[in-house]
Amino acid sequence: MTLHSLPMRVAALPAIDAPTHAVEAYFSAFGSPVTDALAIAAVRLQYGSLRASIKSDDEQVLIGIELRRRSAL
């Protein structure tokens, strides 16, 4: 099963879930200036490509989204 074979709603869920982890890291009680900066960068990367990933069938765009999602883990 590939991302292309999934219904759009199912495929979009991980793209929405990944930034929530970055926001969570930003508001963590154990955060630091370094983790805050990384969390803000992750949110910018992920939200910047969220719309493109939902509207695009381009394989390179989808690969970029996957890389950004993994950076949030």
C-alpha atoms as a PDB file:
ATOM      1  CA  MET A   1       0.000   0.000   0.000  1.00  0.00           C
ATOM      2  CA  THR A   2       1.331   3.425  -0.926  1.00  0.00           C
ATOM      3  CA  LEU A   3       0.279   6.922  -0.032  1.00  0.00           C
ATOM      4  CA  HIS A   4      -1.338   7.248  -3.462  1.00  0.00           C
ATOM      5  CA  SER A   5      -3.638   4.295  -2.821  1.00  0.00           C
ATOM      6  CA  LEU A   6      -5.048   5.686   0.429  1.00  0.00           C
ATOM      7  CA  PRO A   7      -8.145   7.861   0.597  1.00  0.00           C
ATOM      8  CA  MET A   8      -7.160  11.541   0.920  1.00  0.00           C
ATOM      9  CA  ARG A   9      -8.633  11.806   4.420  1.00  0.00           C
ATOM     10  CA  VAL A  10      -6.537   8.888   5.674  1.00  0.00           C
ATOM     11  CA  ALA A  11      -3.387  10.138   3.940  1.00  0.00           C
ATOM     12  CA  ALA A  12      -3.784  13.613   5.472  1.00  0.00           C
ATOM     13  CA  LEU A  13      -4.001  12.403   9.072  1.00  0.00           C
ATOM     14  CA  PRO A  14      -0.236  11.871   9.590  1.00  0.00           C
ATOM     15  CA  ALA A  15       0.441  15.254   7.971  1.00  0.00           C
ATOM     16  CA  ILE A  16      -1.788  16.851  10.592  1.00  0.00           C
ATOM     17  CA  ASP A  17      -0.477  14.714  13.457  1.00  0.00           C
ATOM     18  CA  ALA A  18       3.219  15.491  12.938  1.00  0.00           C
ATOM     19  CA  PRO A  19       3.017  19.231  13.706  1.00  0.00           C
ATOM     20  CA  THR A  20       1.085  18.498  16.896  1.00  0.00           C
ATOM     21  CA  HIS A  21       4.142  16.649  18.200  1.00  0.00           C
ATOM     22  CA  ALA A  22       6.318  19.674  17.468  1.00  0.00           C
ATOM     23  CA  VAL A  23       3.860  21.969  19.261  1.00  0.00           C
ATOM     24  CA  GLU A  24       3.849  19.519  22.160  1.00  0.00           C
ATOM     25  CA  ALA A  25       7.655  19.706  22.331  1.00  0.00           C
ATOM     26  CA  TYR A  26       7.527  23.497  22.387  1.00  0.00           C
ATOM     27  CA  PHE A  27       5.167  23.579  25.365  1.00  0.00           C
ATOM     28  CA  SER A  28       6.889  20.761  27.247  1.00  0.00           C
ATOM     29  CA  ALA A  29       7.867  21.422  30.845  1.00  0.00           C
ATOM     30  CA  PHE A  30      11.255  19.885  30.011  1.00  0.00           C
ATOM     31  CA  GLY A  31      11.920  22.200  27.073  1.00  0.00           C
ATOM     32  CA  SER A  32      14.960  24.373  26.564  1.00  0.00           C
ATOM     33  CA  PRO A  33      15.838  27.166  24.151  1.00  0.00           C
ATOM     34  CA  VAL A  34      17.326  24.560  21.814  1.00  0.00           C
ATOM     35  CA  THR A  35      14.270  22.287  21.834  1.00  0.00           C
ATOM     36  CA  ASP A  36      12.001  25.316  21.429  1.00  0.00           C
ATOM     37  CA  ALA A  37      13.943  26.452  18.349  1.00  0.00           C
ATOM     38  CA  LEU A  38      13.816  22.951  16.853  1.00  0.00           C
ATOM     39  CA  ALA A  39      10.088  22.679  17.551  1.00  0.00           C
ATOM     40  CA  ILE A  40       9.367  26.027  15.879  1.00  0.00           C
ATOM     41  CA  ALA A  41      11.450  25.018  12.849  1.00  0.00           C
ATOM     42  CA  ALA A  42       9.600  21.702  12.624  1.00  0.00           C
ATOM     43  CA  VAL A  43       6.196  23.415  12.715  1.00  0.00           C
ATOM     44  CA  ARG A  44       7.235  25.829   9.957  1.00  0.00           C
ATOM     45  CA  LEU A  45       8.506  23.009   7.744  1.00  0.00           C
ATOM     46  CA  GLN A  46       5.477  20.826   8.282  1.00  0.00           C
ATOM     47  CA  TYR A  47       2.732  23.420   7.949  1.00  0.00           C
ATOM     48  CA  GLY A  48       4.497  24.983   4.999  1.00  0.00           C
ATOM     49  CA  SER A  49       4.086  21.782   3.052  1.00  0.00           C
ATOM     50  CA  LEU A  50       0.756  20.570   4.457  1.00  0.00           C
ATOM     51  CA  ARG A  51      -1.385  22.284   1.835  1.00  0.00           C
ATOM     52  CA  ALA A  52       0.922  21.159  -0.969  1.00  0.00           C
ATOM     53  CA  SER A  53       0.800  17.564   0.203  1.00  0.00           C
ATOM     54  CA  ILE A  54      -2.981  17.483   0.267  1.00  0.00           C
ATOM     55  CA  LYS A  55      -3.384  19.069  -3.157  1.00  0.00           C
ATOM     56  CA  SER A  56      -0.512  17.354  -4.951  1.00  0.00           C
ATOM     57  CA  ASP A  57      -0.052  14.009  -6.620  1.00  0.00           C
ATOM     58  CA  ASP A  58       3.621  14.798  -7.217  1.00  0.00           C
ATOM     59  CA  GLU A  59       5.793  12.002  -5.820  1.00  0.00           C
ATOM     60  CA  GLN A  60       8.613  14.421  -4.841  1.00  0.00           C
ATOM     61  CA  VAL A  61       6.224  16.580  -2.802  1.00  0.00           C
ATOM     62  CA  LEU A  62       4.947  13.514  -0.981  1.00  0.00           C
ATOM     63  CA  ILE A  63       8.495  12.314  -0.291  1.00  0.00           C
ATOM     64  CA  GLY A  64       9.317  15.736   1.163  1.00  0.00           C
ATOM     65  CA  ILE A  65       6.284  15.510   3.417  1.00  0.00           C
ATOM     66  CA  GLU A  66       7.370  12.088   4.634  1.00  0.00           C
ATOM     67  CA  LEU A  67      10.844  13.395   5.463  1.00  0.00           C
ATOM     68  CA  ARG A  68       9.364  16.295   7.413  1.00  0.00           C
ATOM     69  CA  ARG A  69       7.028  13.953   9.250  1.00  0.00           C
ATOM     70  CA  ARG A  70       9.941  11.773  10.283  1.00  0.00           C
ATOM     71  CA  SER A  71      11.855  14.817  11.529  1.00  0.00           C
ATOM     72  CA  ALA A  72       9.082  15.365  14.061  1.00  0.00           C
ATOM     73  CA  LEU A  73       9.392  11.901  15.598  1.00  0.00           C
END
